[in-house]
Amino acid sequence: MAELHAPQPTRRQHWLAVLARAPLDFLEQHVGALADGDHQWLRPAETGLVMVRARAGGTGQRFNMGEATVTRCVIRPDAARTGSHQVGVGYVLGCSHRQAVLVALADALLQEDALYAQWHTRLIAPLEAMLAAQTAQHAAQTQSTRVEFFTVARETGSDRGEEDAA
């Protein structure tokens, strides 16, 4: 039987996943100045709900776990100001319209072949390092609170005799 493998995410899927977890202050520092301009708003920032689905034990039957607040935005940036002619999308958890706009702008910039290396170095590489450090810190905190349970089984034989004598 052939094993099923999850497809590898594309380059764009990867950077969108990283940008979606980027803190607002980081995005503001690196992309905030480009947010002002004559952008074409294909879908202005709006907040809504999405259904979160899960699987029991990670592999079991799917079930609806609950809803999450998500903000999205689709924008074509001002090419004269940003150098990008691409359409950018931004999805973030929560209700920060500004964060969704900045993610969409960063997405548009990263799609331009001429700008990709510059913006990847400026945005994605530092964010990946920051997220990896947060994951490692969380793992260390979790490990420090781990409790190991074990059972000591009595051996039958001579120990039993000593117990009966006492």
N, C-alpha and C. Protein backbone atom coordinates (compact mmCIF):
# COMPACT_ATOMS: atom_id res chain seq x y z
N MET A 1 0.85 -1.18 0.00
CA MET A 1 0.00 0.00 0.00
C MET A 1 0.89 1.24 0.00
N ALA A 2 0.57 2.19 -0.82
CA ALA A 2 1.36 3.42 -0.91
C ALA A 2 1.07 4.31 0.30
N GLU A 3 2.12 4.90 0.85
CA GLU A 3 1.96 5.79 1.98
C GLU A 3 1.52 7.16 1.48
N LEU A 4 0.64 7.78 2.26
CA LEU A 4 0.19 9.12 1.91
C LEU A 4 1.09 10.13 2.60
N HIS A 5 1.57 11.08 1.84
CA HIS A 5 2.43 12.13 2.39
C HIS A 5 1.76 13.47 2.14
N ALA A 6 1.86 14.33 3.13
CA ALA A 6 1.34 15.68 2.95
C ALA A 6 2.25 16.40 1.95
N PRO A 7 1.66 17.13 1.02
CA PRO A 7 2.48 17.84 0.05
C PRO A 7 3.30 18.93 0.74
N GLN A 8 4.48 19.18 0.21
CA GLN A 8 5.32 20.24 0.74
C GLN A 8 4.69 21.59 0.41
N PRO A 9 4.69 22.51 1.39
CA PRO A 9 4.12 23.82 1.09
C PRO A 9 4.96 24.57 0.07
N THR A 10 4.31 25.36 -0.74
CA THR A 10 5.03 26.18 -1.70
C THR A 10 5.78 27.28 -0.95
N ARG A 11 6.65 27.95 -1.65
CA ARG A 11 7.42 29.04 -1.05
C ARG A 11 6.47 30.12 -0.51
N ARG A 12 5.44 30.45 -1.27
CA ARG A 12 4.50 31.48 -0.84
C ARG A 12 3.70 31.02 0.38
N GLN A 13 3.25 29.77 0.38
CA GLN A 13 2.52 29.26 1.54
C GLN A 13 3.38 29.36 2.79
N HIS A 14 4.66 29.06 2.63
CA HIS A 14 5.57 29.12 3.78
C HIS A 14 5.67 30.54 4.32
N TRP A 15 5.93 31.52 3.44
CA TRP A 15 6.10 32.88 3.98
C TRP A 15 4.79 33.44 4.50
N LEU A 16 3.65 33.05 3.93
CA LEU A 16 2.37 33.51 4.48
C LEU A 16 2.13 32.93 5.87
N ALA A 17 2.53 31.67 6.09
CA ALA A 17 2.40 31.07 7.41
C ALA A 17 3.28 31.79 8.43
N VAL A 18 4.47 32.17 8.01
CA VAL A 18 5.39 32.90 8.90
C VAL A 18 4.84 34.30 9.18
N LEU A 19 4.40 34.99 8.15
CA LEU A 19 3.88 36.35 8.31
C LEU A 19 2.62 36.38 9.18
N ALA A 20 1.79 35.35 9.08
CA ALA A 20 0.56 35.31 9.86
C ALA A 20 0.84 35.27 11.36
N ARG A 21 2.02 34.78 11.74
CA ARG A 21 2.39 34.70 13.16
C ARG A 21 3.31 35.83 13.59
N ALA A 22 3.58 36.75 12.68
CA ALA A 22 4.49 37.87 12.98
C ALA A 22 3.82 38.86 13.93
N PRO A 23 4.56 39.33 14.93
CA PRO A 23 4.00 40.35 15.82
C PRO A 23 3.76 41.66 15.06
N LEU A 24 2.74 42.37 15.47
CA LEU A 24 2.38 43.63 14.81
C LEU A 24 3.53 44.63 14.87
N ASP A 25 4.21 44.75 16.00
CA ASP A 25 5.29 45.74 16.09
C ASP A 25 6.43 45.44 15.13
N PHE A 26 6.73 44.15 14.89
CA PHE A 26 7.76 43.77 13.92
C PHE A 26 7.33 44.20 12.51
N LEU A 27 6.09 43.89 12.15
CA LEU A 27 5.58 44.26 10.82
C LEU A 27 5.55 45.78 10.66
N GLU A 28 5.13 46.46 11.71
CA GLU A 28 5.06 47.93 11.68
C GLU A 28 6.44 48.53 11.43
N GLN A 29 7.44 47.97 12.09
CA GLN A 29 8.81 48.48 11.95
C GLN A 29 9.35 48.29 10.54
N HIS A 30 9.02 47.18 9.88
CA HIS A 30 9.63 46.87 8.59
C HIS A 30 8.77 47.23 7.38
N VAL A 31 7.45 47.20 7.53
CA VAL A 31 6.57 47.43 6.39
C VAL A 31 5.63 48.62 6.62
N GLY A 32 5.55 49.09 7.83
CA GLY A 32 4.58 50.13 8.20
C GLY A 32 4.64 51.38 7.35
N ALA A 33 5.83 51.82 6.98
CA ALA A 33 5.97 53.05 6.19
C ALA A 33 5.36 52.90 4.80
N LEU A 34 5.25 51.68 4.31
CA LEU A 34 4.70 51.46 2.97
C LEU A 34 3.17 51.36 2.96
N ALA A 35 2.57 51.33 4.15
CA ALA A 35 1.11 51.16 4.23
C ALA A 35 0.36 52.38 3.71
N ASP A 36 0.99 53.54 3.78
CA ASP A 36 0.35 54.74 3.25
C ASP A 36 0.65 54.82 1.76
N GLY A 37 -0.34 55.13 0.99
CA GLY A 37 -0.15 55.24 -0.45
C GLY A 37 -1.46 55.02 -1.17
N ASP A 38 -1.39 55.06 -2.47
CA ASP A 38 -2.58 54.92 -3.30
C ASP A 38 -2.76 53.44 -3.67
N HIS A 39 -3.06 52.63 -2.67
CA HIS A 39 -3.22 51.20 -2.89
C HIS A 39 -4.61 50.90 -3.44
N GLN A 40 -4.69 49.82 -4.19
CA GLN A 40 -5.99 49.36 -4.71
C GLN A 40 -6.49 48.29 -3.74
N TRP A 41 -7.57 48.58 -3.07
CA TRP A 41 -8.13 47.67 -2.07
C TRP A 41 -9.09 46.70 -2.75
N LEU A 42 -8.63 45.49 -3.00
CA LEU A 42 -9.49 44.49 -3.62
C LEU A 42 -10.45 43.90 -2.58
N ARG A 43 -10.01 43.81 -1.36
CA ARG A 43 -10.85 43.41 -0.23
C ARG A 43 -10.28 44.12 1.00
N PRO A 44 -10.93 45.21 1.43
CA PRO A 44 -10.42 45.91 2.60
C PRO A 44 -10.39 44.97 3.82
N ALA A 45 -9.59 45.31 4.78
CA ALA A 45 -9.48 44.47 5.97
C ALA A 45 -10.85 44.28 6.61
N GLU A 46 -11.18 43.02 6.88
CA GLU A 46 -12.45 42.69 7.51
C GLU A 46 -12.26 41.50 8.44
N THR A 47 -13.03 41.49 9.50
CA THR A 47 -12.91 40.45 10.52
C THR A 47 -14.12 39.55 10.46
N GLY A 48 -13.88 38.26 10.62
CA GLY A 48 -14.97 37.28 10.61
C GLY A 48 -14.57 36.06 11.43
N LEU A 49 -15.37 35.03 11.33
CA LEU A 49 -15.13 33.80 12.07
C LEU A 49 -14.86 32.65 11.11
N VAL A 50 -14.02 31.74 11.53
CA VAL A 50 -13.80 30.50 10.78
C VAL A 50 -14.02 29.34 11.75
N MET A 51 -14.48 28.23 11.21
CA MET A 51 -14.67 27.04 12.02
C MET A 51 -13.35 26.29 12.13
N VAL A 52 -12.96 25.96 13.34
CA VAL A 52 -11.74 25.21 13.57
C VAL A 52 -12.13 23.74 13.72
N ARG A 53 -11.50 22.90 12.90
CA ARG A 53 -11.78 21.46 12.96
C ARG A 53 -10.57 20.75 13.52
N ALA A 54 -10.81 19.65 14.20
CA ALA A 54 -9.72 18.88 14.81
C ALA A 54 -9.99 17.40 14.58
N ARG A 55 -9.00 16.59 14.94
CA ARG A 55 -9.14 15.14 14.87
C ARG A 55 -8.81 14.57 16.24
N ALA A 56 -9.61 13.64 16.68
CA ALA A 56 -9.35 12.98 17.96
C ALA A 56 -8.05 12.20 17.84
N GLY A 57 -7.11 12.48 18.72
CA GLY A 57 -5.82 11.81 18.69
C GLY A 57 -4.98 12.17 17.49
N GLY A 58 -5.36 13.17 16.74
CA GLY A 58 -4.58 13.60 15.58
C GLY A 58 -4.86 12.80 14.32
N THR A 59 -5.46 11.63 14.46
CA THR A 59 -5.71 10.79 13.28
C THR A 59 -7.15 10.31 13.21
N GLY A 60 -7.93 10.56 14.22
CA GLY A 60 -9.30 10.05 14.27
C GLY A 60 -10.25 10.85 13.40
N GLN A 61 -11.52 10.65 13.68
CA GLN A 61 -12.56 11.33 12.91
C GLN A 61 -12.56 12.83 13.22
N ARG A 62 -12.81 13.63 12.20
CA ARG A 62 -12.83 15.08 12.37
C ARG A 62 -14.06 15.51 13.15
N PHE A 63 -13.89 16.59 13.91
CA PHE A 63 -15.02 17.19 14.61
C PHE A 63 -14.82 18.70 14.67
N ASN A 64 -15.91 19.44 14.78
CA ASN A 64 -15.84 20.90 14.89
C ASN A 64 -15.47 21.26 16.32
N MET A 65 -14.31 21.88 16.47
CA MET A 65 -13.81 22.20 17.80
C MET A 65 -14.34 23.55 18.29
N GLY A 66 -14.52 24.49 17.40
CA GLY A 66 -15.00 25.81 17.79
C GLY A 66 -14.72 26.82 16.69
N GLU A 67 -14.91 28.08 17.01
CA GLU A 67 -14.69 29.14 16.04
C GLU A 67 -13.50 30.00 16.45
N ALA A 68 -12.85 30.59 15.46
CA ALA A 68 -11.73 31.50 15.70
C ALA A 68 -11.96 32.78 14.92
N THR A 69 -11.57 33.88 15.50
CA THR A 69 -11.67 35.18 14.83
C THR A 69 -10.47 35.36 13.91
N VAL A 70 -10.75 35.73 12.66
CA VAL A 70 -9.70 35.91 11.66
C VAL A 70 -9.95 37.23 10.93
N THR A 71 -8.87 37.94 10.62
CA THR A 71 -8.98 39.16 9.83
C THR A 71 -8.22 38.94 8.53
N ARG A 72 -8.83 39.37 7.44
CA ARG A 72 -8.21 39.18 6.12
C ARG A 72 -8.21 40.49 5.35
N CYS A 73 -7.33 40.53 4.34
CA CYS A 73 -7.20 41.72 3.50
C CYS A 73 -6.57 41.29 2.18
N VAL A 74 -7.02 41.90 1.09
CA VAL A 74 -6.42 41.67 -0.22
C VAL A 74 -6.14 43.05 -0.83
N ILE A 75 -4.90 43.26 -1.26
CA ILE A 75 -4.49 44.59 -1.70
C ILE A 75 -3.53 44.49 -2.88
N ARG A 76 -3.64 45.46 -3.78
CA ARG A 76 -2.62 45.64 -4.82
C ARG A 76 -1.93 46.95 -4.45
N PRO A 77 -0.67 46.85 -3.99
CA PRO A 77 0.00 48.05 -3.50
C PRO A 77 0.28 49.07 -4.59
N ASP A 78 0.49 50.27 -4.15
CA ASP A 78 0.88 51.37 -5.02
C ASP A 78 2.26 51.05 -5.58
N ALA A 79 2.32 50.73 -6.87
CA ALA A 79 3.58 50.29 -7.50
C ALA A 79 4.65 51.37 -7.44
N ALA A 80 4.24 52.62 -7.57
CA ALA A 80 5.22 53.71 -7.53
C ALA A 80 5.89 53.80 -6.16
N ARG A 81 5.17 53.48 -5.12
CA ARG A 81 5.70 53.58 -3.75
C ARG A 81 6.43 52.30 -3.31
N THR A 82 5.92 51.13 -3.73
CA THR A 82 6.47 49.87 -3.22
C THR A 82 7.32 49.12 -4.23
N GLY A 83 7.10 49.35 -5.50
CA GLY A 83 7.82 48.60 -6.53
C GLY A 83 7.17 47.26 -6.86
N SER A 84 5.99 47.01 -6.29
CA SER A 84 5.31 45.74 -6.52
C SER A 84 4.02 45.95 -7.30
N HIS A 85 3.81 45.06 -8.27
CA HIS A 85 2.57 45.08 -9.06
C HIS A 85 1.70 43.88 -8.71
N GLN A 86 2.11 43.09 -7.72
CA GLN A 86 1.42 41.86 -7.35
C GLN A 86 0.26 42.13 -6.40
N VAL A 87 -0.66 41.19 -6.35
CA VAL A 87 -1.76 41.24 -5.39
C VAL A 87 -1.32 40.47 -4.15
N GLY A 88 -1.43 41.12 -3.00
CA GLY A 88 -1.04 40.48 -1.74
C GLY A 88 -2.25 40.17 -0.90
N VAL A 89 -2.17 39.05 -0.16
CA VAL A 89 -3.25 38.67 0.75
C VAL A 89 -2.67 38.57 2.16
N GLY A 90 -3.51 38.87 3.11
CA GLY A 90 -3.10 38.76 4.51
C GLY A 90 -4.21 38.16 5.34
N TYR A 91 -3.90 37.11 6.07
CA TYR A 91 -4.82 36.48 7.01
C TYR A 91 -4.11 36.41 8.35
N VAL A 92 -4.74 36.87 9.41
CA VAL A 92 -4.16 36.79 10.75
C VAL A 92 -5.26 36.40 11.75
N LEU A 93 -4.86 35.67 12.77
CA LEU A 93 -5.78 35.36 13.86
C LEU A 93 -6.04 36.64 14.64
N GLY A 94 -7.27 36.82 15.08
CA GLY A 94 -7.61 38.00 15.86
C GLY A 94 -8.29 39.04 14.99
N CYS A 95 -8.34 40.26 15.51
CA CYS A 95 -9.10 41.30 14.80
C CYS A 95 -8.26 42.54 14.51
N SER A 96 -6.97 42.37 14.24
CA SER A 96 -6.10 43.50 13.93
C SER A 96 -6.13 43.77 12.43
N HIS A 97 -6.88 44.80 12.03
CA HIS A 97 -6.94 45.18 10.62
C HIS A 97 -5.57 45.63 10.12
N ARG A 98 -4.86 46.37 10.95
CA ARG A 98 -3.54 46.88 10.55
C ARG A 98 -2.57 45.72 10.28
N GLN A 99 -2.60 44.71 11.12
CA GLN A 99 -1.72 43.56 10.94
C GLN A 99 -2.04 42.83 9.64
N ALA A 100 -3.31 42.66 9.31
CA ALA A 100 -3.69 41.99 8.06
C ALA A 100 -3.23 42.80 6.85
N VAL A 101 -3.33 44.12 6.92
CA VAL A 101 -2.88 44.98 5.82
C VAL A 101 -1.37 44.85 5.63
N LEU A 102 -0.62 44.87 6.72
CA LEU A 102 0.84 44.77 6.63
C LEU A 102 1.27 43.41 6.11
N VAL A 103 0.58 42.35 6.49
CA VAL A 103 0.89 41.02 5.96
C VAL A 103 0.61 40.99 4.46
N ALA A 104 -0.50 41.58 4.03
CA ALA A 104 -0.84 41.61 2.60
C ALA A 104 0.21 42.40 1.81
N LEU A 105 0.68 43.51 2.36
CA LEU A 105 1.73 44.29 1.69
C LEU A 105 3.02 43.48 1.59
N ALA A 106 3.39 42.82 2.68
CA ALA A 106 4.61 42.00 2.66
C ALA A 106 4.48 40.87 1.65
N ASP A 107 3.31 40.27 1.56
CA ASP A 107 3.07 39.19 0.59
C ASP A 107 3.28 39.71 -0.84
N ALA A 108 2.75 40.88 -1.14
CA ALA A 108 2.90 41.46 -2.47
C ALA A 108 4.38 41.74 -2.78
N LEU A 109 5.11 42.25 -1.80
CA LEU A 109 6.53 42.55 -2.00
C LEU A 109 7.34 41.28 -2.24
N LEU A 110 7.02 40.22 -1.49
CA LEU A 110 7.77 38.97 -1.61
C LEU A 110 7.50 38.26 -2.94
N GLN A 111 6.38 38.57 -3.58
CA GLN A 111 6.06 37.93 -4.87
C GLN A 111 6.86 38.51 -6.03
N GLU A 112 7.39 39.70 -5.87
CA GLU A 112 8.20 40.33 -6.92
C GLU A 112 9.58 39.69 -6.94
N ASP A 113 9.94 39.09 -8.07
CA ASP A 113 11.24 38.42 -8.17
C ASP A 113 12.40 39.37 -7.85
N ALA A 114 12.30 40.60 -8.31
CA ALA A 114 13.38 41.57 -8.09
C ALA A 114 13.49 41.99 -6.62
N LEU A 115 12.41 41.86 -5.86
CA LEU A 115 12.41 42.30 -4.46
C LEU A 115 12.49 41.14 -3.47
N TYR A 116 12.33 39.93 -3.96
CA TYR A 116 12.21 38.77 -3.06
C TYR A 116 13.39 38.64 -2.10
N ALA A 117 14.60 38.63 -2.60
CA ALA A 117 15.78 38.41 -1.75
C ALA A 117 15.87 39.46 -0.65
N GLN A 118 15.64 40.71 -1.02
CA GLN A 118 15.71 41.81 -0.05
C GLN A 118 14.68 41.63 1.06
N TRP A 119 13.42 41.36 0.69
CA TRP A 119 12.36 41.25 1.68
C TRP A 119 12.40 39.93 2.45
N HIS A 120 12.90 38.89 1.83
CA HIS A 120 13.06 37.63 2.56
C HIS A 120 14.09 37.81 3.68
N THR A 121 15.20 38.46 3.35
CA THR A 121 16.25 38.71 4.34
C THR A 121 15.76 39.64 5.44
N ARG A 122 14.96 40.61 5.07
CA ARG A 122 14.48 41.61 6.00
C ARG A 122 13.35 41.12 6.89
N LEU A 123 12.47 40.27 6.33
CA LEU A 123 11.27 39.85 7.06
C LEU A 123 11.28 38.38 7.47
N ILE A 124 11.34 37.50 6.48
CA ILE A 124 11.09 36.08 6.73
C ILE A 124 12.20 35.43 7.55
N ALA A 125 13.47 35.65 7.20
CA ALA A 125 14.57 35.04 7.94
C ALA A 125 14.56 35.42 9.43
N PRO A 126 14.43 36.71 9.78
CA PRO A 126 14.38 37.05 11.21
C PRO A 126 13.14 36.49 11.91
N LEU A 127 12.01 36.47 11.21
CA LEU A 127 10.79 35.92 11.81
C LEU A 127 10.92 34.42 12.06
N GLU A 128 11.52 33.71 11.10
CA GLU A 128 11.73 32.27 11.29
C GLU A 128 12.62 32.02 12.51
N ALA A 129 13.66 32.80 12.66
CA ALA A 129 14.55 32.65 13.82
C ALA A 129 13.80 32.96 15.12
N MET A 130 13.00 34.03 15.10
CA MET A 130 12.24 34.40 16.29
C MET A 130 11.22 33.32 16.65
N LEU A 131 10.52 32.79 15.67
CA LEU A 131 9.53 31.74 15.93
C LEU A 131 10.19 30.45 16.39
N ALA A 132 11.36 30.12 15.84
CA ALA A 132 12.10 28.92 16.28
C ALA A 132 12.55 29.08 17.73
N ALA A 133 12.99 30.27 18.09
CA ALA A 133 13.41 30.52 19.48
C ALA A 133 12.22 30.41 20.43
N GLN A 134 11.07 30.94 20.02
CA GLN A 134 9.86 30.83 20.85
C GLN A 134 9.44 29.37 21.02
N THR A 135 9.53 28.59 19.94
CA THR A 135 9.18 27.18 20.01
C THR A 135 10.12 26.43 20.94
N ALA A 136 11.41 26.72 20.84
CA ALA A 136 12.40 26.07 21.71
C ALA A 136 12.18 26.45 23.17
N GLN A 137 11.88 27.72 23.41
CA GLN A 137 11.62 28.16 24.78
C GLN A 137 10.38 27.48 25.34
N HIS A 138 9.34 27.38 24.54
CA HIS A 138 8.11 26.71 24.98
C HIS A 138 8.38 25.23 25.27
N ALA A 139 9.16 24.59 24.41
CA ALA A 139 9.50 23.18 24.62
C ALA A 139 10.30 23.00 25.90
N ALA A 140 11.23 23.91 26.17
CA ALA A 140 12.02 23.83 27.40
C ALA A 140 11.16 24.02 28.64
N GLN A 141 10.21 24.96 28.57
CA GLN A 141 9.30 25.18 29.70
C GLN A 141 8.43 23.96 29.91
N THR A 142 7.96 23.38 28.83
CA THR A 142 7.12 22.18 28.94
C THR A 142 7.93 21.03 29.51
N GLN A 143 9.15 20.86 29.05
CA GLN A 143 10.00 19.77 29.53
C GLN A 143 10.31 19.92 31.02
N SER A 144 10.48 21.16 31.48
CA SER A 144 10.82 21.37 32.89
C SER A 144 9.68 21.01 33.82
N THR A 145 8.46 20.97 33.33
CA THR A 145 7.31 20.61 34.17
C THR A 145 6.84 19.18 33.93
N ARG A 146 7.57 18.43 33.15
CA ARG A 146 7.18 17.06 32.84
C ARG A 146 7.35 16.17 34.06
N VAL A 147 6.37 15.34 34.28
CA VAL A 147 6.40 14.41 35.40
C VAL A 147 6.45 13.00 34.84
N GLU A 148 7.39 12.21 35.34
CA GLU A 148 7.52 10.82 34.90
C GLU A 148 6.87 9.94 35.95
N PHE A 149 5.94 9.12 35.55
CA PHE A 149 5.29 8.18 36.44
C PHE A 149 5.86 6.80 36.19
N PHE A 150 6.10 6.09 37.26
CA PHE A 150 6.58 4.72 37.11
C PHE A 150 6.04 3.89 38.27
N THR A 151 6.01 2.61 38.09
CA THR A 151 5.54 1.69 39.12
C THR A 151 6.68 0.75 39.46
N VAL A 152 6.89 0.58 40.74
CA VAL A 152 7.89 -0.36 41.18
C VAL A 152 7.16 -1.67 41.49
N ALA A 153 7.51 -2.70 40.78
CA ALA A 153 6.87 -3.99 40.99
C ALA A 153 7.73 -4.81 41.94
N ARG A 154 7.09 -5.40 42.96
CA ARG A 154 7.83 -6.25 43.90
C ARG A 154 8.15 -7.57 43.26
N GLU A 155 9.35 -7.99 43.50
CA GLU A 155 9.73 -9.31 43.01
C GLU A 155 9.20 -10.35 43.98
N THR A 156 8.77 -11.46 43.44
CA THR A 156 8.32 -12.54 44.30
C THR A 156 9.52 -13.34 44.75
N GLY A 157 9.46 -13.87 45.92
CA GLY A 157 10.57 -14.68 46.39
C GLY A 157 10.99 -14.28 47.77
N SER A 158 12.30 -14.02 47.96
CA SER A 158 12.88 -13.81 49.28
C SER A 158 12.33 -12.55 49.96
N ASP A 159 12.00 -11.51 49.20
CA ASP A 159 11.47 -10.29 49.81
C ASP A 159 10.15 -10.55 50.51
N ARG A 160 9.35 -11.43 49.96
CA ARG A 160 8.04 -11.72 50.53
C ARG A 160 8.20 -12.37 51.90
N GLY A 161 9.18 -13.20 52.03
CA GLY A 161 9.41 -13.87 53.30
C GLY A 161 9.81 -12.87 54.37
N GLU A 162 10.63 -11.88 54.04
CA GLU A 162 11.05 -10.89 55.00
C GLU A 162 9.87 -10.03 55.43
N GLU A 163 8.97 -9.76 54.49
CA GLU A 163 7.81 -8.95 54.80
C GLU A 163 6.90 -9.68 55.77
N ASP A 164 6.74 -11.01 55.56
CA ASP A 164 5.87 -11.79 56.44
C ASP A 164 6.46 -11.90 57.83
N ALA A 165 7.81 -11.88 57.94
CA ALA A 165 8.47 -12.02 59.23
C ALA A 165 8.31 -10.75 60.07
N ALA A 166 8.14 -9.63 59.44
CA ALA A 166 8.06 -8.36 60.16
C ALA A 166 6.73 -8.14 60.72
